[in-house]
Amino acid sequence: MSQTNNSNILSPNNWVDNYADYLFNYALVRINDTNIAKDLVQDTFFAALKSAKRFEGKSTERTWLVAILKRKIIDYYRKINSNKGQAEIRMNFYDNDEGDWIEERVPQYWGNEIEKNIENKELKTQLEACIDSLPKKYAIVFRMKTIQEFETDEICKELNITPSNLWVIIHRARTQLRSCMEKNWFNK
């Protein structure tokens, strides 16, 4: 398509109003850090502006922006898994006090009882504490596979591990999580 057609398809002046919340929620679910999610959305908009000439209109504007954001998330994980990246990001990545669920992703309650609401919040807090207590690599792999639903091949490529190693890590992480939850939640 010509550049004239692209300017009719893309509306950069409306991106923040139309897509910022969706992209932020998308990133937050996968990164679990508010500030980093905001930065990734900003980086996504910047990259989209720089590559707007290459937009061919084969997808919607939102789909195109999500594809750029996915690449930014993968780059983020690649960075934190390099030795230099781990040193730069360790403090922000593991000191997350804002691990709240995104409203659309909250499991639905079976009743409106206040006690269940409080118990679910406490359960989530305890589960996050147990995930945070895992060895760093276990926590990263567990979050990527179980919470963020990355594909096995993608995780293996990004973390430079084999599929069998990934499944050993997942198994060990689940075993440790079960022990932690039994000790700190079910037997309290």
N, C-alpha and C. Protein backbone atom coordinates (compact mmCIF):
# COMPACT_ATOMS: atom_id res chain seq x y z
N MET A 1 0.84 -1.20 0.00
CA MET A 1 0.00 0.00 0.00
C MET A 1 0.87 1.24 0.00
N SER A 2 0.36 2.27 -0.49
CA SER A 2 1.12 3.52 -0.51
C SER A 2 1.05 4.19 0.85
N GLN A 3 1.96 5.10 1.03
CA GLN A 3 2.00 5.79 2.32
C GLN A 3 0.72 6.59 2.56
N THR A 4 0.13 7.11 1.51
CA THR A 4 -1.12 7.87 1.66
C THR A 4 -2.20 6.98 2.26
N ASN A 5 -2.30 5.75 1.76
CA ASN A 5 -3.30 4.83 2.31
C ASN A 5 -3.00 4.48 3.75
N ASN A 6 -1.69 4.35 4.09
CA ASN A 6 -1.33 4.03 5.47
C ASN A 6 -1.77 5.13 6.43
N SER A 7 -1.64 6.37 6.02
CA SER A 7 -2.04 7.46 6.92
C SER A 7 -3.54 7.44 7.15
N ASN A 8 -4.31 6.90 6.19
CA ASN A 8 -5.75 6.77 6.38
C ASN A 8 -6.08 5.60 7.30
N ILE A 9 -5.23 4.57 7.28
CA ILE A 9 -5.48 3.38 8.10
C ILE A 9 -5.04 3.61 9.54
N LEU A 10 -3.86 4.17 9.72
CA LEU A 10 -3.33 4.42 11.06
C LEU A 10 -3.78 5.77 11.59
N SER A 11 -4.06 5.79 12.87
CA SER A 11 -4.46 7.04 13.52
C SER A 11 -3.62 7.24 14.78
N PRO A 12 -2.33 7.57 14.62
CA PRO A 12 -1.45 7.71 15.78
C PRO A 12 -1.95 8.70 16.82
N ASN A 13 -2.68 9.71 16.39
CA ASN A 13 -3.19 10.70 17.35
C ASN A 13 -4.23 10.11 18.29
N ASN A 14 -4.80 8.97 17.92
CA ASN A 14 -5.84 8.33 18.74
C ASN A 14 -5.34 7.09 19.50
N TRP A 15 -4.09 6.71 19.30
CA TRP A 15 -3.58 5.49 19.91
C TRP A 15 -3.71 5.48 21.43
N VAL A 16 -3.34 6.56 22.06
CA VAL A 16 -3.39 6.58 23.53
C VAL A 16 -4.83 6.41 24.01
N ASP A 17 -5.75 7.15 23.41
CA ASP A 17 -7.16 7.04 23.83
C ASP A 17 -7.75 5.66 23.52
N ASN A 18 -7.41 5.14 22.34
CA ASN A 18 -8.04 3.90 21.89
C ASN A 18 -7.38 2.63 22.41
N TYR A 19 -6.06 2.64 22.64
CA TYR A 19 -5.37 1.38 22.89
C TYR A 19 -4.49 1.35 24.14
N ALA A 20 -4.22 2.47 24.76
CA ALA A 20 -3.27 2.50 25.89
C ALA A 20 -3.71 1.57 27.03
N ASP A 21 -4.96 1.63 27.42
CA ASP A 21 -5.43 0.79 28.53
C ASP A 21 -5.33 -0.69 28.18
N TYR A 22 -5.75 -1.04 26.98
CA TYR A 22 -5.70 -2.44 26.56
C TYR A 22 -4.25 -2.93 26.54
N LEU A 23 -3.35 -2.16 25.93
CA LEU A 23 -1.95 -2.56 25.85
C LEU A 23 -1.31 -2.62 27.23
N PHE A 24 -1.64 -1.67 28.09
CA PHE A 24 -1.11 -1.68 29.46
C PHE A 24 -1.54 -2.95 30.19
N ASN A 25 -2.83 -3.28 30.13
CA ASN A 25 -3.32 -4.49 30.79
C ASN A 25 -2.66 -5.74 30.21
N TYR A 26 -2.50 -5.76 28.91
CA TYR A 26 -1.85 -6.89 28.23
C TYR A 26 -0.42 -7.06 28.76
N ALA A 27 0.31 -5.97 28.83
CA ALA A 27 1.70 -6.02 29.31
C ALA A 27 1.76 -6.36 30.79
N LEU A 28 0.87 -5.79 31.58
CA LEU A 28 0.90 -6.01 33.03
C LEU A 28 0.68 -7.47 33.39
N VAL A 29 -0.21 -8.13 32.68
CA VAL A 29 -0.46 -9.55 32.93
C VAL A 29 0.81 -10.36 32.67
N ARG A 30 1.59 -9.96 31.70
CA ARG A 30 2.77 -10.72 31.31
C ARG A 30 4.04 -10.31 32.05
N ILE A 31 4.09 -9.10 32.55
CA ILE A 31 5.29 -8.59 33.21
C ILE A 31 5.12 -8.51 34.73
N ASN A 32 3.92 -8.22 35.19
CA ASN A 32 3.63 -8.13 36.62
C ASN A 32 4.38 -7.00 37.31
N ASP A 33 4.59 -5.90 36.59
CA ASP A 33 5.24 -4.72 37.15
C ASP A 33 4.65 -3.49 36.46
N THR A 34 3.97 -2.66 37.21
CA THR A 34 3.25 -1.51 36.66
C THR A 34 4.16 -0.58 35.88
N ASN A 35 5.29 -0.21 36.45
CA ASN A 35 6.17 0.75 35.79
C ASN A 35 6.76 0.19 34.50
N ILE A 36 7.17 -1.06 34.53
CA ILE A 36 7.73 -1.67 33.33
C ILE A 36 6.65 -1.80 32.26
N ALA A 37 5.44 -2.17 32.66
CA ALA A 37 4.34 -2.27 31.70
C ALA A 37 4.09 -0.92 31.03
N LYS A 38 4.09 0.16 31.81
CA LYS A 38 3.91 1.50 31.24
C LYS A 38 5.02 1.82 30.25
N ASP A 39 6.26 1.50 30.63
CA ASP A 39 7.39 1.76 29.74
C ASP A 39 7.28 0.97 28.44
N LEU A 40 6.84 -0.28 28.54
CA LEU A 40 6.72 -1.10 27.34
C LEU A 40 5.64 -0.57 26.40
N VAL A 41 4.55 -0.06 26.96
CA VAL A 41 3.50 0.53 26.12
C VAL A 41 4.04 1.78 25.43
N GLN A 42 4.75 2.60 26.17
CA GLN A 42 5.34 3.80 25.58
C GLN A 42 6.33 3.42 24.47
N ASP A 43 7.17 2.41 24.74
CA ASP A 43 8.11 1.93 23.72
C ASP A 43 7.37 1.40 22.49
N THR A 44 6.23 0.75 22.73
CA THR A 44 5.43 0.22 21.63
C THR A 44 4.92 1.35 20.74
N PHE A 45 4.38 2.39 21.34
CA PHE A 45 3.89 3.52 20.56
C PHE A 45 5.03 4.18 19.77
N PHE A 46 6.17 4.33 20.40
CA PHE A 46 7.32 4.94 19.74
C PHE A 46 7.77 4.09 18.55
N ALA A 47 7.89 2.77 18.76
CA ALA A 47 8.29 1.87 17.68
C ALA A 47 7.26 1.88 16.55
N ALA A 48 6.00 1.95 16.90
CA ALA A 48 4.94 1.98 15.88
C ALA A 48 5.04 3.26 15.05
N LEU A 49 5.30 4.37 15.68
CA LEU A 49 5.47 5.62 14.93
C LEU A 49 6.64 5.51 13.96
N LYS A 50 7.74 4.91 14.44
CA LYS A 50 8.93 4.78 13.60
C LYS A 50 8.70 3.83 12.43
N SER A 51 7.85 2.84 12.60
CA SER A 51 7.66 1.85 11.53
C SER A 51 6.30 2.00 10.83
N ALA A 52 5.63 3.12 11.02
CA ALA A 52 4.30 3.32 10.43
C ALA A 52 4.31 3.19 8.91
N LYS A 53 5.41 3.56 8.28
CA LYS A 53 5.49 3.47 6.81
C LYS A 53 5.42 2.02 6.34
N ARG A 54 5.81 1.09 7.19
CA ARG A 54 5.81 -0.32 6.81
C ARG A 54 4.48 -1.02 7.11
N PHE A 55 3.57 -0.33 7.78
CA PHE A 55 2.26 -0.92 8.06
C PHE A 55 1.51 -1.13 6.75
N GLU A 56 1.11 -2.38 6.50
CA GLU A 56 0.48 -2.71 5.23
C GLU A 56 -1.04 -2.80 5.31
N GLY A 57 -1.60 -2.68 6.48
CA GLY A 57 -3.05 -2.73 6.62
C GLY A 57 -3.62 -4.13 6.56
N LYS A 58 -2.77 -5.15 6.72
CA LYS A 58 -3.25 -6.54 6.67
C LYS A 58 -3.90 -6.96 7.99
N SER A 59 -3.74 -6.15 9.01
CA SER A 59 -4.37 -6.42 10.30
C SER A 59 -4.95 -5.10 10.80
N THR A 60 -5.68 -5.20 11.90
CA THR A 60 -6.22 -3.98 12.49
C THR A 60 -5.07 -3.23 13.17
N GLU A 61 -5.31 -1.98 13.42
CA GLU A 61 -4.33 -1.15 14.12
C GLU A 61 -3.98 -1.77 15.48
N ARG A 62 -4.99 -2.21 16.22
CA ARG A 62 -4.77 -2.79 17.54
C ARG A 62 -3.95 -4.06 17.46
N THR A 63 -4.26 -4.94 16.52
CA THR A 63 -3.51 -6.18 16.36
C THR A 63 -2.05 -5.89 16.05
N TRP A 64 -1.82 -4.92 15.21
CA TRP A 64 -0.46 -4.51 14.84
C TRP A 64 0.29 -3.99 16.07
N LEU A 65 -0.36 -3.17 16.88
CA LEU A 65 0.26 -2.63 18.09
C LEU A 65 0.55 -3.75 19.10
N VAL A 66 -0.37 -4.70 19.23
CA VAL A 66 -0.15 -5.83 20.14
C VAL A 66 1.05 -6.66 19.68
N ALA A 67 1.19 -6.85 18.39
CA ALA A 67 2.33 -7.60 17.86
C ALA A 67 3.65 -6.90 18.22
N ILE A 68 3.67 -5.59 18.12
CA ILE A 68 4.86 -4.83 18.50
C ILE A 68 5.11 -4.97 20.00
N LEU A 69 4.05 -4.87 20.80
CA LEU A 69 4.18 -5.01 22.26
C LEU A 69 4.70 -6.40 22.63
N LYS A 70 4.21 -7.45 21.96
CA LYS A 70 4.70 -8.80 22.24
C LYS A 70 6.21 -8.87 22.04
N ARG A 71 6.69 -8.26 20.98
CA ARG A 71 8.14 -8.25 20.70
C ARG A 71 8.87 -7.52 21.82
N LYS A 72 8.29 -6.42 22.30
CA LYS A 72 8.92 -5.66 23.40
C LYS A 72 8.98 -6.50 24.67
N ILE A 73 7.93 -7.28 24.94
CA ILE A 73 7.91 -8.15 26.13
C ILE A 73 8.98 -9.23 26.01
N ILE A 74 9.09 -9.83 24.83
CA ILE A 74 10.12 -10.85 24.62
C ILE A 74 11.50 -10.24 24.80
N ASP A 75 11.71 -9.04 24.26
CA ASP A 75 13.00 -8.36 24.43
C ASP A 75 13.28 -8.09 25.90
N TYR A 76 12.25 -7.72 26.64
CA TYR A 76 12.41 -7.48 28.08
C TYR A 76 12.89 -8.76 28.78
N TYR A 77 12.22 -9.88 28.51
CA TYR A 77 12.63 -11.13 29.14
C TYR A 77 14.02 -11.55 28.69
N ARG A 78 14.34 -11.32 27.45
CA ARG A 78 15.69 -11.64 26.97
C ARG A 78 16.71 -10.82 27.75
N LYS A 79 16.40 -9.56 27.98
CA LYS A 79 17.32 -8.67 28.69
C LYS A 79 17.51 -9.13 30.14
N ILE A 80 16.43 -9.46 30.83
CA ILE A 80 16.59 -9.84 32.24
C ILE A 80 17.24 -11.20 32.39
N ASN A 81 17.29 -11.99 31.32
CA ASN A 81 17.94 -13.29 31.40
C ASN A 81 19.38 -13.25 30.94
N SER A 82 19.87 -12.09 30.52
CA SER A 82 21.29 -11.94 30.26
C SER A 82 21.94 -11.51 31.57
N ASN A 83 23.21 -11.75 31.72
CA ASN A 83 23.89 -11.37 32.98
C ASN A 83 23.79 -9.88 33.23
N LYS A 84 24.03 -9.06 32.20
CA LYS A 84 23.94 -7.61 32.37
C LYS A 84 22.51 -7.20 32.70
N GLY A 85 21.55 -7.78 32.01
CA GLY A 85 20.15 -7.44 32.24
C GLY A 85 19.68 -7.81 33.63
N GLN A 86 20.15 -8.95 34.14
CA GLN A 86 19.76 -9.35 35.49
C GLN A 86 20.24 -8.34 36.51
N ALA A 87 21.44 -7.84 36.33
CA ALA A 87 21.96 -6.85 37.27
C ALA A 87 21.16 -5.55 37.21
N GLU A 88 20.73 -5.15 35.99
CA GLU A 88 19.99 -3.89 35.84
C GLU A 88 18.57 -3.98 36.35
N ILE A 89 17.91 -5.12 36.18
CA ILE A 89 16.48 -5.20 36.42
C ILE A 89 16.12 -5.91 37.72
N ARG A 90 17.03 -6.61 38.32
CA ARG A 90 16.72 -7.45 39.47
C ARG A 90 15.88 -6.73 40.53
N MET A 91 16.24 -5.51 40.86
CA MET A 91 15.52 -4.80 41.91
C MET A 91 14.06 -4.55 41.53
N ASN A 92 13.81 -4.04 40.34
CA ASN A 92 12.44 -3.73 39.93
C ASN A 92 11.62 -4.98 39.68
N PHE A 93 12.25 -6.00 39.10
CA PHE A 93 11.50 -7.19 38.70
C PHE A 93 11.02 -7.99 39.91
N TYR A 94 11.82 -8.06 40.94
CA TYR A 94 11.47 -8.93 42.06
C TYR A 94 10.87 -8.20 43.25
N ASP A 95 10.86 -6.89 43.26
CA ASP A 95 10.28 -6.13 44.36
C ASP A 95 8.94 -5.56 43.93
N ASN A 96 8.00 -6.41 43.63
CA ASN A 96 6.71 -5.95 43.11
C ASN A 96 5.67 -5.96 44.21
N ASP A 97 5.25 -4.76 44.61
CA ASP A 97 4.21 -4.65 45.63
C ASP A 97 2.84 -4.42 45.00
N GLU A 98 2.78 -4.31 43.67
CA GLU A 98 1.54 -3.96 43.02
C GLU A 98 1.03 -5.11 42.16
N GLY A 99 1.12 -6.33 42.63
CA GLY A 99 0.74 -7.48 41.83
C GLY A 99 -0.76 -7.73 41.81
N ASP A 100 -1.56 -6.68 41.72
CA ASP A 100 -3.01 -6.84 41.71
C ASP A 100 -3.47 -7.43 40.38
N TRP A 101 -4.56 -8.15 40.44
CA TRP A 101 -5.14 -8.70 39.23
C TRP A 101 -5.74 -7.58 38.39
N ILE A 102 -5.70 -7.74 37.09
CA ILE A 102 -6.43 -6.84 36.20
C ILE A 102 -7.90 -7.24 36.29
N GLU A 103 -8.77 -6.28 36.35
CA GLU A 103 -10.18 -6.53 36.63
C GLU A 103 -10.79 -7.60 35.73
N GLU A 104 -10.46 -7.58 34.41
CA GLU A 104 -11.04 -8.56 33.50
C GLU A 104 -10.52 -9.97 33.77
N ARG A 105 -9.38 -10.11 34.44
CA ARG A 105 -8.75 -11.40 34.65
C ARG A 105 -9.03 -12.00 36.02
N VAL A 106 -9.70 -11.26 36.88
CA VAL A 106 -9.97 -11.77 38.22
C VAL A 106 -10.92 -12.95 38.13
N PRO A 107 -10.59 -14.06 38.79
CA PRO A 107 -11.53 -15.18 38.79
C PRO A 107 -12.87 -14.72 39.37
N GLN A 108 -13.95 -15.19 38.77
CA GLN A 108 -15.27 -14.79 39.23
C GLN A 108 -15.59 -15.44 40.58
N TYR A 109 -16.19 -14.66 41.45
CA TYR A 109 -16.56 -15.17 42.77
C TYR A 109 -17.85 -15.96 42.67
N TRP A 110 -17.97 -16.97 43.51
CA TRP A 110 -19.18 -17.79 43.51
C TRP A 110 -20.29 -17.16 44.33
N GLY A 111 -19.95 -16.20 45.13
CA GLY A 111 -20.94 -15.51 45.94
C GLY A 111 -20.46 -14.12 46.24
N ASN A 112 -21.32 -13.32 46.82
CA ASN A 112 -20.95 -11.94 47.11
C ASN A 112 -20.59 -11.75 48.58
N GLU A 113 -20.27 -12.82 49.24
CA GLU A 113 -19.98 -12.73 50.67
C GLU A 113 -18.64 -12.04 50.90
N ILE A 114 -18.61 -11.12 51.82
CA ILE A 114 -17.40 -10.36 52.13
C ILE A 114 -16.28 -11.28 52.57
N GLU A 115 -16.59 -12.32 53.33
CA GLU A 115 -15.56 -13.23 53.81
C GLU A 115 -14.82 -13.90 52.65
N LYS A 116 -15.56 -14.30 51.62
CA LYS A 116 -14.92 -14.94 50.46
C LYS A 116 -14.03 -13.95 49.73
N ASN A 117 -14.47 -12.71 49.62
CA ASN A 117 -13.65 -11.70 48.96
C ASN A 117 -12.33 -11.50 49.71
N ILE A 118 -12.41 -11.39 51.01
CA ILE A 118 -11.21 -11.21 51.83
C ILE A 118 -10.32 -12.44 51.71
N GLU A 119 -10.92 -13.63 51.79
CA GLU A 119 -10.14 -14.87 51.71
C GLU A 119 -9.46 -15.00 50.35
N ASN A 120 -10.13 -14.65 49.27
CA ASN A 120 -9.51 -14.72 47.94
C ASN A 120 -8.33 -13.76 47.81
N LYS A 121 -8.46 -12.57 48.37
CA LYS A 121 -7.37 -11.61 48.32
C LYS A 121 -6.18 -12.13 49.13
N GLU A 122 -6.45 -12.69 50.30
CA GLU A 122 -5.39 -13.26 51.12
C GLU A 122 -4.74 -14.46 50.42
N LEU A 123 -5.55 -15.28 49.76
CA LEU A 123 -5.02 -16.43 49.02
C LEU A 123 -4.10 -15.97 47.90
N LYS A 124 -4.51 -14.98 47.16
CA LYS A 124 -3.69 -14.43 46.07
C LYS A 124 -2.38 -13.89 46.62
N THR A 125 -2.46 -13.16 47.71
CA THR A 125 -1.26 -12.60 48.33
C THR A 125 -0.30 -13.72 48.74
N GLN A 126 -0.85 -14.77 49.36
CA GLN A 126 -0.01 -15.88 49.79
C GLN A 126 0.60 -16.61 48.60
N LEU A 127 -0.18 -16.82 47.54
CA LEU A 127 0.32 -17.49 46.35
C LEU A 127 1.46 -16.67 45.72
N GLU A 128 1.30 -15.36 45.62
CA GLU A 128 2.37 -14.50 45.10
C GLU A 128 3.61 -14.59 45.98
N ALA A 129 3.42 -14.62 47.30
CA ALA A 129 4.56 -14.75 48.20
C ALA A 129 5.28 -16.08 47.97
N CYS A 130 4.53 -17.13 47.75
CA CYS A 130 5.13 -18.44 47.50
C CYS A 130 5.87 -18.45 46.15
N ILE A 131 5.30 -17.83 45.14
CA ILE A 131 5.99 -17.75 43.84
C ILE A 131 7.27 -16.94 44.00
N ASP A 132 7.20 -15.84 44.75
CA ASP A 132 8.38 -15.00 44.97
C ASP A 132 9.47 -15.73 45.75
N SER A 133 9.09 -16.75 46.54
CA SER A 133 10.08 -17.48 47.33
C SER A 133 10.80 -18.57 46.52
N LEU A 134 10.30 -18.84 45.32
CA LEU A 134 10.96 -19.82 44.46
C LEU A 134 12.33 -19.30 44.02
N PRO A 135 13.24 -20.20 43.66
CA PRO A 135 14.48 -19.73 43.03
C PRO A 135 14.12 -18.88 41.81
N LYS A 136 14.92 -17.88 41.51
CA LYS A 136 14.59 -16.89 40.47
C LYS A 136 14.22 -17.54 39.14
N LYS A 137 15.02 -18.50 38.70
CA LYS A 137 14.75 -19.12 37.40
C LYS A 137 13.44 -19.89 37.44
N TYR A 138 13.14 -20.56 38.56
CA TYR A 138 11.88 -21.30 38.69
C TYR A 138 10.71 -20.33 38.59
N ALA A 139 10.82 -19.19 39.29
CA ALA A 139 9.73 -18.21 39.28
C ALA A 139 9.51 -17.65 37.88
N ILE A 140 10.59 -17.35 37.17
CA ILE A 140 10.46 -16.81 35.82
C ILE A 140 9.79 -17.84 34.91
N VAL A 141 10.29 -19.08 34.93
CA VAL A 141 9.73 -20.13 34.08
C VAL A 141 8.28 -20.39 34.45
N PHE A 142 7.97 -20.49 35.74
CA PHE A 142 6.60 -20.74 36.18
C PHE A 142 5.66 -19.65 35.70
N ARG A 143 6.05 -18.40 35.89
CA ARG A 143 5.20 -17.28 35.45
C ARG A 143 5.01 -17.29 33.94
N MET A 144 6.11 -17.48 33.21
CA MET A 144 6.00 -17.46 31.75
C MET A 144 5.09 -18.57 31.24
N LYS A 145 5.22 -19.78 31.78
CA LYS A 145 4.46 -20.92 31.27
C LYS A 145 3.04 -20.96 31.81
N THR A 146 2.90 -20.81 33.11
CA THR A 146 1.61 -21.02 33.76
C THR A 146 0.73 -19.78 33.79
N ILE A 147 1.30 -18.65 34.08
CA ILE A 147 0.51 -17.42 34.24
C ILE A 147 0.41 -16.66 32.92
N GLN A 148 1.56 -16.49 32.24
CA GLN A 148 1.58 -15.69 31.03
C GLN A 148 1.31 -16.51 29.78
N GLU A 149 1.29 -17.82 29.92
CA GLU A 149 0.93 -18.76 28.86
C GLU A 149 1.80 -18.66 27.62
N PHE A 150 3.11 -18.45 27.81
CA PHE A 150 4.04 -18.51 26.70
C PHE A 150 4.13 -19.96 26.23
N GLU A 151 4.43 -20.17 24.96
CA GLU A 151 4.62 -21.50 24.41
C GLU A 151 5.95 -22.07 24.91
N THR A 152 6.02 -23.39 25.03
CA THR A 152 7.22 -24.07 25.51
C THR A 152 8.43 -23.69 24.66
N ASP A 153 8.29 -23.76 23.34
CA ASP A 153 9.41 -23.45 22.45
C ASP A 153 9.91 -22.02 22.65
N GLU A 154 8.98 -21.11 22.84
CA GLU A 154 9.36 -19.71 23.02
C GLU A 154 10.13 -19.52 24.33
N ILE A 155 9.67 -20.16 25.40
CA ILE A 155 10.36 -20.06 26.68
C ILE A 155 11.76 -20.66 26.58
N CYS A 156 11.84 -21.84 25.96
CA CYS A 156 13.13 -22.51 25.82
C CYS A 156 14.12 -21.65 25.05
N LYS A 157 13.64 -21.04 23.98
CA LYS A 157 14.51 -20.19 23.16
C LYS A 157 14.96 -18.96 23.96
N GLU A 158 14.02 -18.31 24.63
CA GLU A 158 14.35 -17.09 25.37
C GLU A 158 15.28 -17.34 26.56
N LEU A 159 15.10 -18.48 27.23
CA LEU A 159 15.89 -18.76 28.44
C LEU A 159 17.06 -19.71 28.17
N ASN A 160 17.18 -20.14 26.91
CA ASN A 160 18.24 -21.05 26.50
C ASN A 160 18.25 -22.33 27.34
N ILE A 161 17.09 -22.98 27.40
CA ILE A 161 16.95 -24.25 28.10
C ILE A 161 16.26 -25.25 27.17
N THR A 162 16.39 -26.53 27.49
CA THR A 162 15.74 -27.56 26.69
C THR A 162 14.31 -27.76 27.19
N PRO A 163 13.44 -28.34 26.35
CA PRO A 163 12.07 -28.61 26.80
C PRO A 163 12.03 -29.52 28.03
N SER A 164 12.90 -30.53 28.07
CA SER A 164 12.88 -31.41 29.24
C SER A 164 13.32 -30.66 30.49
N ASN A 165 14.29 -29.74 30.35
CA ASN A 165 14.71 -28.91 31.48
C ASN A 165 13.56 -28.02 31.94
N LEU A 166 12.83 -27.45 30.97
CA LEU A 166 11.69 -26.60 31.31
C LEU A 166 10.68 -27.39 32.15
N TRP A 167 10.36 -28.61 31.74
CA TRP A 167 9.35 -29.39 32.46
C TRP A 167 9.84 -29.84 33.84
N VAL A 168 11.15 -30.05 33.97
CA VAL A 168 11.71 -30.36 35.29
C VAL A 168 11.55 -29.14 36.19
N ILE A 169 11.87 -27.96 35.65
CA ILE A 169 11.74 -26.72 36.43
C ILE A 169 10.28 -26.49 36.82
N ILE A 170 9.35 -26.69 35.88
CA ILE A 170 7.92 -26.52 36.17
C ILE A 170 7.50 -27.48 37.27
N HIS A 171 7.90 -28.74 37.16
CA HIS A 171 7.54 -29.74 38.17
C HIS A 171 8.08 -29.34 39.54
N ARG A 172 9.35 -28.95 39.58
CA ARG A 172 9.95 -28.55 40.87
C ARG A 172 9.29 -27.30 41.43
N ALA A 173 8.98 -26.36 40.56
CA ALA A 173 8.31 -25.13 41.01
C ALA A 173 6.94 -25.46 41.60
N ARG A 174 6.18 -26.32 40.92
CA ARG A 174 4.86 -26.70 41.43
C ARG A 174 4.96 -27.44 42.75
N THR A 175 5.94 -28.32 42.86
CA THR A 175 6.14 -29.05 44.12
C THR A 175 6.45 -28.09 45.25
N GLN A 176 7.35 -27.14 45.00
CA GLN A 176 7.70 -26.16 46.03
C GLN A 176 6.52 -25.24 46.35
N LEU A 177 5.75 -24.87 45.33
CA LEU A 177 4.56 -24.04 45.57
C LEU A 177 3.54 -24.79 46.42
N ARG A 178 3.32 -26.06 46.10
CA ARG A 178 2.37 -26.85 46.89
C ARG A 178 2.81 -26.91 48.35
N SER A 179 4.10 -27.16 48.59
CA SER A 179 4.61 -27.21 49.97
C SER A 179 4.43 -25.87 50.67
N CYS A 180 4.77 -24.80 49.96
CA CYS A 180 4.64 -23.46 50.54
C CYS A 180 3.19 -23.14 50.87
N MET A 181 2.28 -23.45 49.95
CA MET A 181 0.86 -23.16 50.19
C MET A 181 0.31 -24.04 51.32
N GLU A 182 0.70 -25.29 51.37
CA GLU A 182 0.23 -26.17 52.45
C GLU A 182 0.71 -25.64 53.80
N LYS A 183 1.95 -25.21 53.85
CA LYS A 183 2.54 -24.71 55.10
C LYS A 183 1.93 -23.36 55.51
N ASN A 184 1.78 -22.46 54.56
CA ASN A 184 1.39 -21.09 54.88
C ASN A 184 -0.07 -20.74 54.68
N TRP A 185 -0.82 -21.60 54.01
CA TRP A 185 -2.22 -21.28 53.76
C TRP A 185 -3.16 -22.32 54.34
N PHE A 186 -2.96 -23.56 53.94
CA PHE A 186 -3.91 -24.59 54.33
C PHE A 186 -3.74 -25.05 55.78
N ASN A 187 -2.54 -24.90 56.32
CA ASN A 187 -2.29 -25.34 57.71
C ASN A 187 -2.07 -24.17 58.64
N LYS A 188 -2.66 -23.03 58.35
CA LYS A 188 -2.42 -21.88 59.25
C LYS A 188 -3.40 -21.85 60.38
